[in-house]
């Protein structure tokens, strides 16, 4: 499967005279480009009229590149960037002949000022390649019938230009094929890559059947390749090409230029027109293109079999990530039961084990240490040693996705921060799905506003084994006051949910990747009585201590019922309310011993 194959390259002529938008050849070329990117992830573009890239132009570019790479290393290493992979990269044991120098925002004249001898030629080159990038993306957008998004897409882009040198193979007997690794197999993380070389071949692309094919650049040609961001935007239609560079025995170095377009002024988001329940359910959440690049650099990103799926795939929800149908299924589960079980594999078993091991240590702290965990917000601090709940202890950290808020838990800082961020992403995705199912969220701004309005409480719970004469109740029947609650446990069951017909059912966390997603009172009020909160309790057996974690989401400021959820069948049940104020209201009732039969009705009911 790894052998090279004789293969007819997808080649198309894209000179300006041939490609006038709307003309017959434009439509034909657009369909070719779309199909080539869907099937192979790349194609070769030629310009037989030298409208963009003449032989003389090529010569001037690559002559300048030779001079650039001949500069002393101490000068080349000054090419740095805060963005991963955007700075200078020199030879290393895995890629002994590889060097690259990079320019961010390459179409901006100021960005190339430091490359004094290349200013004019590089600026001209970068603008021409950017024009080609825009042409290709426009062709694909039009072919999919979503051309209305193209202008905003173009405005969101920045261009990154990389100069690469692959030295002469230092050991022609490096392996049985007499090649040395120039770059390891990878996909690009951007939207579109346009690659240009000095006629020394080396690029190889892997086909969907696993075979590697060598790409021969005809004169005045470039290779145009789809990146992971393009694949995610297209909802998996466009194939992100796996490629590598291998250098065979020869006497001349290979020089190449690659211009990468990144979406940097908005999120990468699949147009709704490219989503349908049957053939193309939604595969990826909206994401930041540079965050994908940063994730790729992490240990988790490097280990990921499918980077996009690990970073932003929706299939982490059991049976979820599947478009409108899944949104409706989640909404129905919350309306019918107030909860559901999600299988969410972005939190690794290794991370979960670290968290629960740390919890055991934390609950073994002296009591004088634990009671220092206090908060001005009711129920956010330490709770324990209560005569009515002798089995239960808990500690909370408010605003847990903010790193500074967990400094007091020094041995847990990095672990809990990583865990909480991943769990909050699940909470945000579930909420987005329900909002979409109700027709509430129409654009990314609405989603971002909703996310920015939330604060998160992470609560650690310990339920010890009851003594011979003690109650088995770990926590009494209650609903949470949150918007959503996400529960995790150490595989010791005990959680029970009350159904609408007053039966109690035990919840089995089916696998180590299972989490219970539960609606709280805040969600009930927001949904205008559509989603009822789950009544639940913890009942302990006689064998093993149970540890659990709950992530509780609360909306900062005022919560109000969306106008879309008010109609004749569903008149407004709840007035706008302060979500965190609900906790103070509940605490006051507890202290006075006068709990309302329906807390939310007493707090913000229209008829209260």
Protein backbone atom coordinates (compact mmCIF):
# COMPACT_ATOMS: atom_id res chain seq x y z
CA UNK A 1 0.00 0.00 0.00
CA UNK A 2 2.99 2.30 0.48
CA UNK A 3 4.39 1.82 -3.01
CA UNK A 4 4.41 4.58 -5.60
CA UNK A 5 1.91 4.28 -8.41
CA UNK A 6 1.72 5.48 -12.00
CA UNK A 7 -0.89 8.17 -11.83
CA UNK A 8 -2.24 10.84 -14.14
CA UNK A 9 -1.96 14.12 -12.26
CA UNK A 10 -5.01 16.39 -12.16
CA UNK A 11 -3.76 19.39 -14.20
CA UNK A 12 -5.70 22.51 -15.19
CA UNK A 13 -4.85 25.73 -17.03
CA UNK A 14 -5.67 28.77 -14.89
CA UNK A 15 -4.31 31.71 -16.87
CA UNK A 16 -6.35 34.89 -16.59
CA UNK A 17 -7.50 34.90 -20.23
CA UNK A 18 -9.19 31.53 -19.74
CA UNK A 19 -10.77 32.16 -16.38
CA UNK A 20 -13.34 34.93 -16.48
CA UNK A 21 -16.01 34.31 -13.82
CA UNK A 22 -19.28 33.13 -15.31
CA UNK A 23 -17.76 32.13 -18.65
CA UNK A 24 -18.11 28.57 -19.92
CA UNK A 25 -14.49 27.66 -19.15
CA UNK A 26 -14.80 29.16 -15.66
CA UNK A 27 -17.73 26.87 -14.85
CA UNK A 28 -15.91 23.88 -16.32
CA UNK A 29 -12.72 24.72 -14.40
CA UNK A 30 -14.68 25.26 -11.18
CA UNK A 31 -16.16 21.78 -11.35
CA UNK A 32 -12.72 20.32 -12.11
CA UNK A 33 -11.16 22.11 -9.13
CA UNK A 34 -13.91 21.00 -6.75
CA UNK A 35 -13.73 17.37 -7.87
CA UNK A 36 -9.92 17.30 -7.74
CA UNK A 37 -9.90 18.67 -4.18
CA UNK A 38 -12.63 16.24 -3.12
CA UNK A 39 -10.87 13.21 -4.60
CA UNK A 40 -7.17 13.99 -4.18
CA UNK A 41 -6.87 17.11 -2.04
CA UNK A 42 -4.67 18.79 -4.66
CA UNK A 43 -4.23 19.62 -8.33
CA UNK A 44 -1.54 21.14 -10.55
CA UNK A 45 -2.24 24.57 -12.01
CA UNK A 46 -0.40 25.65 -15.17
CA UNK A 47 -0.27 29.02 -16.90
CA UNK A 48 0.54 28.51 -20.58
CA UNK A 49 0.34 32.26 -21.27
CA UNK A 50 2.75 33.12 -18.41
CA UNK A 51 0.17 35.53 -17.12
CA UNK A 52 1.37 35.06 -13.56
CA UNK A 53 4.58 33.02 -13.42
CA UNK A 54 7.06 33.16 -16.29
CA UNK A 55 10.35 31.28 -16.48
CA UNK A 56 12.26 34.56 -15.92
CA UNK A 57 10.13 35.29 -12.87
CA UNK A 58 10.87 31.81 -11.51
CA UNK A 59 14.59 32.29 -12.05
CA UNK A 60 14.63 35.59 -10.14
CA UNK A 61 12.72 34.08 -7.22
CA UNK A 62 14.86 30.99 -6.80
CA UNK A 63 18.14 32.82 -7.33
CA UNK A 64 17.15 35.09 -4.46
CA UNK A 65 16.24 32.10 -2.33
CA UNK A 66 19.67 30.58 -2.81
CA UNK A 67 21.22 33.81 -1.53
CA UNK A 68 18.80 33.84 1.40
CA UNK A 69 19.65 30.31 2.57
CA UNK A 70 23.37 31.03 2.19
CA UNK A 71 23.09 33.66 4.96
CA UNK A 72 24.78 32.75 8.29
CA UNK A 73 22.58 30.72 10.64
CA UNK A 74 22.70 33.47 13.28
CA UNK A 75 20.83 35.72 10.84
CA UNK A 76 18.34 33.08 9.71
CA UNK A 77 17.30 32.21 13.26
CA UNK A 78 16.10 35.79 13.74
CA UNK A 79 13.02 34.74 11.74
CA UNK A 80 10.80 34.05 14.78
CA UNK A 81 7.08 34.04 15.55
CA UNK A 82 4.72 33.48 18.46
CA UNK A 83 2.67 31.21 16.20
CA UNK A 84 3.93 27.60 16.06
CA UNK A 85 5.89 26.68 12.90
CA UNK A 86 5.97 30.29 11.67
CA UNK A 87 9.62 30.88 12.57
CA UNK A 88 12.91 29.54 11.21
CA UNK A 89 13.29 25.77 11.19
CA UNK A 90 16.66 24.15 10.59
CA UNK A 91 17.85 20.61 9.93
CA UNK A 92 17.12 17.96 12.56
CA UNK A 93 17.81 14.21 12.85
CA UNK A 94 14.44 13.27 11.33
CA UNK A 95 14.74 15.77 8.47
CA UNK A 96 18.49 16.30 7.95
CA UNK A 97 18.25 18.24 4.67
CA UNK A 98 15.36 20.55 5.60
CA UNK A 99 15.46 24.30 6.30
CA UNK A 100 12.66 26.86 6.16
CA UNK A 101 12.39 30.63 6.61
CA UNK A 102 9.00 32.29 6.90
CA UNK A 103 7.18 35.61 6.49
CA UNK A 104 3.87 36.28 8.21
CA UNK A 105 1.22 38.39 6.46
CA UNK A 106 3.22 38.06 3.25
CA UNK A 107 0.93 40.20 1.08
CA UNK A 108 1.65 43.17 3.34
CA UNK A 109 4.63 45.15 2.04
CA UNK A 110 5.83 45.98 5.57
CA UNK A 111 6.01 42.29 6.40
CA UNK A 112 8.77 41.73 3.84
CA UNK A 113 10.89 44.80 4.67
CA UNK A 114 13.43 42.74 6.58
CA UNK A 115 14.16 40.73 3.44
CA UNK A 116 15.71 43.77 1.76
CA UNK A 117 17.05 42.08 -1.37
CA UNK A 118 13.73 40.31 -1.92
CA UNK A 119 11.22 43.08 -1.14
CA UNK A 120 9.89 43.78 -4.63
CA UNK A 121 9.98 40.28 -6.01
CA UNK A 122 8.47 38.71 -2.87
CA UNK A 123 5.71 41.29 -2.56
CA UNK A 124 4.81 40.81 -6.23
CA UNK A 125 4.94 37.04 -5.87
CA UNK A 126 2.81 36.96 -2.71
CA UNK A 127 0.09 39.13 -4.27
CA UNK A 128 -0.05 36.96 -7.41
CA UNK A 129 -0.33 33.79 -5.38
CA UNK A 130 -3.00 35.36 -3.16
CA UNK A 131 -4.99 36.19 -6.32
CA UNK A 132 -4.74 32.56 -7.35
CA UNK A 133 -5.79 31.42 -3.87
CA UNK A 134 -8.88 33.64 -4.06
CA UNK A 135 -9.71 32.39 -7.54
CA UNK A 136 -9.58 28.76 -6.42
CA UNK A 137 -11.66 29.33 -3.29
CA UNK A 138 -14.21 31.31 -5.31
CA UNK A 139 -14.50 28.43 -7.77
CA UNK A 140 -15.18 25.97 -4.98
CA UNK A 141 -17.59 28.26 -3.14
CA UNK A 142 -19.56 28.80 -6.35
CA UNK A 143 -19.57 25.08 -7.16
CA UNK A 144 -21.12 24.39 -3.75
CA UNK A 145 -23.64 27.20 -4.18
CA UNK A 146 -22.33 29.23 -1.23
CA UNK A 147 -20.67 32.08 -3.14
CA UNK A 148 -22.46 34.60 -0.87
CA UNK A 149 -19.89 33.75 1.84
CA UNK A 150 -16.84 34.27 -0.35
CA UNK A 151 -16.24 37.97 0.25
CA UNK A 152 -16.30 37.55 4.03
CA UNK A 153 -13.99 34.55 3.65
CA UNK A 154 -11.45 36.61 1.69
CA UNK A 155 -11.60 39.39 4.27
CA UNK A 156 -10.84 36.86 7.03
CA UNK A 157 -7.59 35.58 5.46
CA UNK A 158 -3.95 36.21 6.16
CA UNK A 159 -1.12 34.78 4.05
CA UNK A 160 2.01 33.11 5.30
CA UNK A 161 4.94 32.61 2.91
CA UNK A 162 7.49 29.86 3.59
CA UNK A 163 10.82 29.48 1.80
CA UNK A 164 12.22 25.97 1.98
CA UNK A 165 15.54 24.45 1.06
CA UNK A 166 16.13 20.71 0.79
CA UNK A 167 19.85 20.11 0.60
CA UNK A 168 21.56 17.49 -1.50
CA UNK A 169 21.02 13.98 -0.18
CA UNK A 170 24.01 13.41 2.13
CA UNK A 171 23.56 9.66 2.10
CA UNK A 172 22.04 8.26 -1.08
CA UNK A 173 21.81 4.82 0.55
CA UNK A 174 19.61 6.23 3.38
CA UNK A 175 17.12 3.45 2.68
CA UNK A 176 16.35 0.91 0.01
CA UNK A 177 14.74 3.51 -2.26
CA UNK A 178 17.79 5.78 -2.13
CA UNK A 179 15.85 8.70 -0.66
CA UNK A 180 16.20 10.87 2.41
CA UNK A 181 13.30 12.39 4.30
CA UNK A 182 12.73 16.05 3.43
CA UNK A 183 9.50 16.36 5.40
CA UNK A 184 7.52 13.69 7.20
CA UNK A 185 3.99 12.77 6.03
CA UNK A 186 1.51 15.43 7.14
CA UNK A 187 -1.48 17.53 6.18
CA UNK A 188 -1.37 21.31 6.20
CA UNK A 189 -3.47 23.01 8.87
CA UNK A 190 -4.50 26.06 6.85
CA UNK A 191 -7.17 26.64 4.19
CA UNK A 192 -5.23 26.52 0.90
CA UNK A 193 -1.52 25.92 0.21
CA UNK A 194 0.03 26.98 -3.11
CA UNK A 195 3.40 25.37 -3.72
CA UNK A 196 6.08 26.45 -6.21
CA UNK A 197 9.48 24.77 -6.78
CA UNK A 198 12.70 25.08 -8.82
CA UNK A 199 12.00 22.01 -10.99
CA UNK A 200 13.79 19.65 -8.61
CA UNK A 201 11.06 17.17 -7.75
CA UNK A 202 10.47 15.56 -4.39
CA UNK A 203 6.84 16.18 -3.45
CA UNK A 204 4.73 13.06 -2.96
CA UNK A 205 1.01 12.87 -2.18
CA UNK A 206 -0.83 9.93 -0.66
CA UNK A 207 -4.02 8.84 -2.41
CA UNK A 208 -7.10 7.67 -0.52
CA UNK A 209 -6.13 4.03 -1.15
CA UNK A 210 -2.81 4.59 0.65
CA UNK A 211 -0.57 4.69 -2.42
CA UNK A 212 2.06 7.41 -2.73
CA UNK A 213 2.42 9.26 -6.05
CA UNK A 214 5.23 11.62 -7.08
CA UNK A 215 4.18 15.06 -8.30
CA UNK A 216 6.01 16.39 -11.34
CA UNK A 217 5.76 20.17 -11.74
CA UNK A 218 5.43 21.08 -15.45
CA UNK A 219 7.01 24.44 -16.50
CA UNK A 220 5.14 27.51 -15.15
CA UNK A 221 3.11 25.38 -12.78
CA UNK A 222 2.15 25.30 -9.12
CA UNK A 223 0.56 22.70 -6.88
CA UNK A 224 -2.62 23.82 -5.12
CA UNK A 225 -3.45 21.80 -2.05
CA UNK A 226 -6.34 21.78 0.45
CA UNK A 227 -5.56 22.05 4.15
CA UNK A 228 -7.42 20.83 7.22
CA UNK A 229 -9.29 24.12 7.61
CA UNK A 230 -10.68 23.77 4.06
CA UNK A 231 -11.70 20.17 4.78
CA UNK A 232 -13.53 21.22 7.96
CA UNK A 233 -15.20 24.19 6.23
CA UNK A 234 -16.51 21.85 3.49
CA UNK A 235 -17.87 19.44 6.11
CA UNK A 236 -15.50 16.71 5.00
CA UNK A 237 -16.18 17.01 1.27
CA UNK A 238 -12.74 18.43 0.44
CA UNK A 239 -9.89 16.00 1.10
CA UNK A 240 -6.93 17.37 3.04
CA UNK A 241 -3.96 15.84 1.22
CA UNK A 242 -1.37 13.86 3.15
CA UNK A 243 2.00 14.69 1.59
CA UNK A 244 5.76 14.48 2.17
CA UNK A 245 9.02 15.41 0.50
CA UNK A 246 11.67 12.81 -0.28
CA UNK A 247 15.04 13.69 -1.78
CA UNK A 248 16.63 11.19 -4.13
CA UNK A 249 20.30 11.06 -5.07
CA UNK A 250 21.26 14.21 -6.95
CA UNK A 251 23.67 17.10 -7.16
CA UNK A 252 21.34 20.07 -6.76
CA UNK A 253 19.33 21.37 -3.83
CA UNK A 254 15.55 21.68 -4.06
CA UNK A 255 14.08 25.10 -3.31
CA UNK A 256 10.37 25.68 -2.88
CA UNK A 257 7.98 28.42 -1.88
CA UNK A 258 4.66 27.73 -0.25
CA UNK A 259 2.03 30.35 0.47
CA UNK A 260 -0.50 29.31 3.11
CA UNK A 261 -3.83 31.07 3.57
CA UNK A 262 -5.13 31.03 7.17
CA UNK A 263 -8.55 32.12 8.42
CA UNK A 264 -7.53 34.58 11.14
CA UNK A 265 -10.28 37.20 11.45
CA UNK A 266 -13.18 34.81 12.03
CA UNK A 267 -13.84 31.20 12.94
CA UNK A 268 -13.63 28.31 10.48
CA UNK A 269 -17.29 27.32 10.24
CA UNK A 270 -19.21 25.01 7.90
CA UNK A 271 -21.94 26.85 5.94
CA UNK A 272 -25.39 25.55 6.82
CA UNK A 273 -25.96 24.80 3.12
CA UNK A 274 -23.29 22.09 3.31
CA UNK A 275 -25.00 20.27 6.18
CA UNK A 276 -27.80 17.74 5.84
CA UNK A 277 -28.85 14.88 8.08
CA UNK A 278 -28.57 12.03 5.62
CA UNK A 279 -25.39 12.32 3.54
CA UNK A 280 -23.46 15.16 5.18
CA UNK A 281 -24.28 15.58 8.89
CA UNK A 282 -22.26 18.26 10.64
CA UNK A 283 -18.78 16.94 11.48
CA UNK A 284 -16.91 19.84 13.10
CA UNK A 285 -17.51 22.65 15.54
CA UNK A 286 -16.46 26.18 14.56
CA UNK A 287 -12.81 26.74 15.50
CA UNK A 288 -9.93 29.18 15.38
CA UNK A 289 -7.49 28.25 12.61
CA UNK A 290 -4.39 29.21 14.60
CA UNK A 291 -5.70 27.26 17.61
CA UNK A 292 -5.72 24.17 15.38
CA UNK A 293 -2.06 24.84 14.64
CA UNK A 294 -1.31 25.20 18.34
CA UNK A 295 -3.20 22.01 19.15
CA UNK A 296 -1.16 20.15 16.53
CA UNK A 297 1.96 21.09 18.45
CA UNK A 298 0.74 19.54 21.72
CA UNK A 299 1.37 15.95 22.76
CA UNK A 300 -2.32 15.17 22.29
CA UNK A 301 -2.28 16.71 18.82
CA UNK A 302 0.82 14.78 17.83
CA UNK A 303 -0.76 11.51 19.00
CA UNK A 304 -4.11 12.13 17.33
CA UNK A 305 -4.94 9.71 14.54
CA UNK A 306 -7.33 12.31 13.10
CA UNK A 307 -6.29 15.83 14.11
CA UNK A 308 -9.51 17.57 13.07
CA UNK A 309 -11.68 15.01 14.84
CA UNK A 310 -9.59 15.26 18.02
CA UNK A 311 -9.59 19.07 17.92
CA UNK A 312 -13.11 19.96 16.88
CA UNK A 313 -15.02 16.83 15.87
CA UNK A 314 -18.62 16.51 17.01
CA UNK A 315 -18.61 12.72 16.91
CA UNK A 316 -17.20 12.77 20.45
CA UNK A 317 -20.80 12.87 21.66
CA UNK A 318 -22.16 9.34 21.53
CA UNK A 319 -24.04 9.14 18.28
CA UNK A 320 -23.68 12.90 18.09
CA UNK A 321 -22.00 15.43 15.92
CA UNK A 322 -24.45 14.40 13.24
CA UNK A 323 -26.24 17.52 12.17
CA UNK A 324 -29.76 18.69 12.80
CA UNK A 325 -31.01 15.22 13.69
CA UNK A 326 -28.56 14.97 16.58
CA UNK A 327 -29.45 18.46 17.81
CA UNK A 328 -33.08 17.36 17.93
CA UNK A 329 -32.21 14.08 19.68
CA UNK A 330 -30.31 15.92 22.42
CA UNK A 331 -33.12 18.42 22.85
CA UNK A 332 -35.67 15.59 23.05
CA UNK A 333 -33.57 13.76 25.69
CA UNK A 334 -33.41 16.89 27.83
CA UNK A 335 -37.13 17.59 27.40
CA UNK A 336 -38.10 13.99 28.22
CA UNK A 337 -35.58 13.05 30.91
CA UNK A 338 -33.71 16.22 31.82
CA UNK A 339 -30.43 14.42 31.10
CA UNK A 340 -28.51 12.05 28.82
CA UNK A 341 -25.21 10.18 28.78
CA UNK A 342 -22.52 11.54 26.42
CA UNK A 343 -19.41 9.62 25.40
CA UNK A 344 -16.72 12.29 25.11
CA UNK A 345 -13.25 11.01 24.28
CA UNK A 346 -11.39 14.33 24.20
CA UNK A 347 -10.75 13.86 27.91
CA UNK A 348 -8.27 11.02 27.89
CA UNK A 349 -8.26 8.16 30.37
CA UNK A 350 -4.81 9.32 31.49
CA UNK A 351 -6.10 12.82 32.35
CA UNK A 352 -9.15 11.44 34.18
CA UNK A 353 -6.96 9.13 36.26
CA UNK A 354 -4.73 12.06 37.23
CA UNK A 355 -7.77 14.09 38.28
CA UNK A 356 -9.30 11.39 40.46
CA UNK A 357 -5.97 10.45 42.04
CA UNK A 358 -5.50 14.11 42.95
CA UNK A 359 -9.04 14.25 44.40
CA UNK A 360 -8.32 11.43 46.81
CA UNK A 361 -5.25 13.31 48.05
CA UNK A 362 -7.21 16.55 48.36
CA UNK A 363 -10.01 15.06 50.45
CA UNK A 364 -7.37 13.60 52.77
CA UNK A 365 -6.19 17.12 53.66
CA UNK A 366 -6.70 18.18 57.31
CA UNK A 367 -10.09 19.72 57.96
CA UNK A 368 -8.53 23.11 58.76
CA UNK A 369 -7.11 23.15 55.23
CA UNK A 370 -10.33 22.11 53.48
CA UNK A 371 -12.53 24.69 55.20
CA UNK A 372 -10.32 27.46 53.79
CA UNK A 373 -12.04 26.79 50.46
CA UNK A 374 -14.63 29.56 50.76
CA UNK A 375 -16.61 31.75 48.37
CA UNK A 376 -18.93 34.74 48.46
CA UNK A 377 -21.27 32.83 46.15
CA UNK A 378 -23.43 30.29 48.01
CA UNK A 379 -22.51 26.61 47.55
CA UNK A 380 -19.24 27.44 45.73
CA UNK A 381 -16.98 26.61 48.70
CA UNK A 382 -16.38 23.62 50.99
CA UNK A 383 -19.31 21.59 52.29
CA UNK A 384 -19.01 18.69 54.72
CA UNK A 385 -19.60 17.23 58.17
CA UNK A 386 -23.33 17.95 57.95
CA UNK A 387 -25.44 15.76 60.27
CA UNK A 388 -28.14 15.25 57.63
CA UNK A 389 -25.56 14.23 54.99
CA UNK A 390 -22.82 12.39 56.88
CA UNK A 391 -21.43 10.62 53.80
CA UNK A 392 -20.92 13.70 51.66
CA UNK A 393 -18.06 16.18 51.33
CA UNK A 394 -17.52 18.63 48.48
CA UNK A 395 -15.20 21.43 47.45
CA UNK A 396 -15.65 23.85 44.55
CA UNK A 397 -13.59 26.18 42.37
CA UNK A 398 -15.47 29.05 40.76
CA UNK A 399 -14.67 30.38 37.27
CA UNK A 400 -12.63 27.23 36.81
CA UNK A 401 -11.76 27.75 33.15
CA UNK A 402 -9.71 30.79 34.21
CA UNK A 403 -6.21 29.67 35.17
CA UNK A 404 -5.76 32.31 37.89
CA UNK A 405 -8.80 31.08 39.82
CA UNK A 406 -7.22 27.73 40.73
CA UNK A 407 -3.86 28.92 42.07
CA UNK A 408 -4.83 27.80 45.59
CA UNK A 409 -4.98 24.20 44.35
CA UNK A 410 -1.27 24.17 43.52
CA UNK A 411 -0.92 20.44 42.90
CA UNK A 412 -3.97 20.49 40.61
CA UNK A 413 -3.45 23.70 38.64
CA UNK A 414 -2.53 22.36 35.20
CA UNK A 415 -4.55 19.14 35.46
CA UNK A 416 -7.79 20.81 36.55
CA UNK A 417 -7.41 23.72 34.13
CA UNK A 418 -6.98 21.33 31.19
CA UNK A 419 -9.81 19.09 32.39
CA UNK A 420 -12.20 21.99 33.01
CA UNK A 421 -11.57 23.58 29.61
CA UNK A 422 -12.30 20.32 27.81
CA UNK A 423 -15.44 19.74 29.88
CA UNK A 424 -16.62 23.31 29.26
CA UNK A 425 -16.25 22.70 25.51
CA UNK A 426 -18.66 19.76 25.84
CA UNK A 427 -21.09 21.97 27.75
CA UNK A 428 -20.86 24.65 25.08
CA UNK A 429 -21.40 22.14 22.29
CA UNK A 430 -24.47 20.62 23.93
CA UNK A 431 -25.93 24.09 24.52
CA UNK A 432 -25.21 25.13 20.95
CA UNK A 433 -27.01 22.03 19.66
CA UNK A 434 -30.09 22.69 21.78
CA UNK A 435 -30.12 26.36 20.80
CA UNK A 436 -29.87 25.42 17.13
CA UNK A 437 -32.62 22.83 17.50
CA UNK A 438 -34.88 25.58 18.89
CA UNK A 439 -33.80 27.95 16.09
CA UNK A 440 -32.14 30.38 18.49
CA UNK A 441 -28.54 30.66 17.28
CA UNK A 442 -28.13 31.90 13.74
CA UNK A 443 -24.51 33.01 13.61
CA UNK A 444 -21.11 32.71 15.28
CA UNK A 445 -21.53 36.05 17.07
CA UNK A 446 -24.53 34.66 18.97
CA UNK A 447 -22.52 31.59 19.94
CA UNK A 448 -19.54 33.65 21.12
CA UNK A 449 -21.78 36.00 23.11
CA UNK A 450 -23.39 33.05 24.84
CA UNK A 451 -20.02 31.44 25.68
CA UNK A 452 -18.61 34.72 26.99
CA UNK A 453 -21.63 35.19 29.26
CA UNK A 454 -21.04 31.91 31.14
CA UNK A 455 -19.08 31.16 34.29
CA UNK A 456 -18.25 27.64 35.45
CA UNK A 457 -18.07 26.01 38.86
CA UNK A 458 -16.15 22.74 39.17
CA UNK A 459 -17.24 20.82 42.26
CA UNK A 460 -15.34 17.84 43.70
CA UNK A 461 -17.42 15.35 45.66
CA UNK A 462 -16.57 12.49 47.98
CA UNK A 463 -19.17 9.98 49.18
CA UNK A 464 -17.69 7.63 51.73
CA UNK A 465 -18.99 4.11 52.43
CA UNK A 466 -21.82 4.29 55.00
CA UNK A 467 -21.37 2.71 58.40
CA UNK A 468 -23.53 -0.12 59.67
CA UNK A 469 -26.16 2.13 61.23
CA UNK A 470 -25.90 5.06 58.79
CA UNK A 471 -28.17 6.11 55.96
CA UNK A 472 -27.16 5.18 52.43
CA UNK A 473 -28.24 8.58 51.07
CA UNK A 474 -25.19 10.45 49.79
CA UNK A 475 -27.16 13.48 48.64
CA UNK A 476 -30.92 14.02 48.89
CA UNK A 477 -33.37 14.52 46.04
CA UNK A 478 -32.76 17.87 44.35
CA UNK A 479 -32.40 19.70 41.07
CA UNK A 480 -29.31 21.73 40.24
CA UNK A 481 -29.57 25.50 40.03
CA UNK A 482 -27.20 25.64 37.06
CA UNK A 483 -27.88 26.00 33.37
CA UNK A 484 -26.26 22.65 32.58
CA UNK A 485 -24.39 20.23 34.83
CA UNK A 486 -21.87 17.70 33.51
CA UNK A 487 -21.04 14.85 35.91
CA UNK A 488 -18.02 12.55 35.94
CA UNK A 489 -17.23 9.79 38.44
CA UNK A 490 -14.61 7.21 39.36
CA UNK A 491 -16.69 4.28 38.04
CA UNK A 492 -18.40 3.77 41.41
CA UNK A 493 -22.11 4.14 40.66
CA UNK A 494 -24.65 5.80 42.92
CA UNK A 495 -26.40 8.45 40.85
CA UNK A 496 -30.15 7.97 40.41
CA UNK A 497 -32.54 9.98 38.22
CA UNK A 498 -36.29 10.37 38.75
CA UNK A 499 -38.44 9.84 35.66
CA UNK A 500 -41.66 11.71 34.88
CA UNK A 501 -43.68 8.74 36.10
CA UNK A 502 -41.91 8.92 39.49
CA UNK A 503 -39.64 5.89 39.01
CA UNK A 504 -36.00 6.02 40.13
CA UNK A 505 -33.44 4.69 37.66
CA UNK A 506 -29.76 4.07 38.37
CA UNK A 507 -27.33 5.72 35.97
CA UNK A 508 -24.54 3.50 34.67
CA UNK A 509 -21.60 5.53 33.36
CA UNK A 510 -21.18 3.08 30.50
CA UNK A 511 -17.47 3.62 29.86
CA UNK A 512 -14.56 5.67 31.27
CA UNK A 513 -15.40 8.24 28.58
CA UNK A 514 -19.02 8.63 29.74
CA UNK A 515 -20.39 11.83 31.24
CA UNK A 516 -23.93 12.64 32.37
CA UNK A 517 -25.27 15.90 30.95
CA UNK A 518 -28.09 17.25 33.09
CA UNK A 519 -30.41 20.26 32.77
CA UNK A 520 -30.63 22.62 35.73
CA UNK A 521 -33.22 25.13 36.91
CA UNK A 522 -31.60 27.87 34.82
CA UNK A 523 -32.14 25.87 31.63
CA UNK A 524 -35.73 25.15 32.66
CA UNK A 525 -36.54 28.85 33.01
CA UNK A 526 -34.64 29.83 29.85
CA UNK A 527 -36.50 27.18 27.81
CA UNK A 528 -39.85 28.51 29.02
CA UNK A 529 -40.85 25.23 30.69
CA UNK A 530 -39.83 23.03 27.74
CA UNK A 531 -36.76 21.43 29.39
CA UNK A 532 -37.51 20.35 32.96
CA UNK A 533 -34.55 19.94 35.32
CA UNK A 534 -33.61 16.42 36.35
CA UNK A 535 -34.48 15.40 39.91
CA UNK A 536 -31.60 13.26 41.14
CA UNK A 537 -29.94 11.85 44.25
CA UNK A 538 -26.93 9.74 45.25
CA UNK A 539 -27.44 6.40 47.00
CA UNK A 540 -24.34 4.63 48.27
CA UNK A 541 -23.72 0.91 48.70
CA UNK A 542 -21.49 -0.66 51.34
CA UNK A 543 -18.36 -1.35 49.32
CA UNK A 544 -16.33 1.56 47.93
CA UNK A 545 -15.90 5.34 48.24
CA UNK A 546 -17.35 7.29 45.34
CA UNK A 547 -15.60 10.36 43.93
CA UNK A 548 -17.32 12.57 41.38
CA UNK A 549 -16.82 15.89 39.66
CA UNK A 550 -19.55 18.21 38.46
CA UNK A 551 -19.10 21.13 36.08
CA UNK A 552 -21.93 23.63 36.64
CA UNK A 553 -22.53 26.41 34.13
CA UNK A 554 -24.14 29.70 35.18
CA UNK A 555 -25.00 32.68 33.02
CA UNK A 556 -23.59 35.95 34.29
CA UNK A 557 -26.11 38.76 34.41
CA UNK A 558 -29.76 38.49 33.44
CA UNK A 559 -31.29 35.39 31.83
CA UNK A 560 -34.47 35.80 29.84
CA UNK A 561 -36.66 33.55 27.74
CA UNK A 562 -35.89 33.97 24.00
CA UNK A 563 -38.78 35.39 22.02
CA UNK A 564 -38.63 32.33 19.74
CA UNK A 565 -39.75 30.15 22.67
CA UNK A 566 -42.87 32.19 23.49
CA UNK A 567 -46.09 31.42 21.58
CA UNK A 568 -49.75 30.58 22.19
CA UNK A 569 -48.92 27.03 23.21
CA UNK A 570 -46.05 28.25 25.41
CA UNK A 571 -46.96 31.58 27.02
CA UNK A 572 -44.18 33.15 29.07
CA UNK A 573 -43.71 31.25 32.34
CA UNK A 574 -40.69 33.07 33.77
CA UNK A 575 -39.60 36.67 34.11
CA UNK A 576 -35.97 37.68 33.39
CA UNK A 577 -33.77 36.70 36.35
CA UNK A 578 -30.29 37.01 37.77
CA UNK A 579 -28.86 33.48 37.57
CA UNK A 580 -26.28 33.78 40.36
CA UNK A 581 -28.92 35.65 42.37
CA UNK A 582 -30.92 32.40 42.31
CA UNK A 583 -28.28 30.82 44.57
CA UNK A 584 -28.60 33.62 47.13
CA UNK A 585 -32.40 33.30 47.00
CA UNK A 586 -32.16 29.53 47.57
CA UNK A 587 -29.68 29.95 50.46
CA UNK A 588 -31.99 32.44 52.18
CA UNK A 589 -34.86 29.96 51.98
CA UNK A 590 -32.65 27.19 53.39
CA UNK A 591 -31.53 29.38 56.29
CA UNK A 592 -35.13 30.35 57.10
CA UNK A 593 -36.32 26.75 56.78
CA UNK A 594 -39.00 27.85 54.32
CA UNK A 595 -38.23 26.07 51.05
CA UNK A 596 -40.73 26.83 48.29
CA UNK A 597 -42.51 23.93 46.66
CA UNK A 598 -41.23 25.30 43.33
CA UNK A 599 -38.08 27.39 43.73
CA UNK A 600 -38.05 28.88 40.21
CA UNK A 601 -41.72 29.81 40.34
CA UNK A 602 -41.14 31.61 43.63
CA UNK A 603 -38.00 33.34 42.35
CA UNK A 604 -39.02 34.48 38.87
CA UNK A 605 -42.35 32.95 37.88
CA UNK A 606 -44.63 35.25 35.90
CA UNK A 607 -47.45 34.57 38.37
CA UNK A 608 -45.30 34.81 41.50
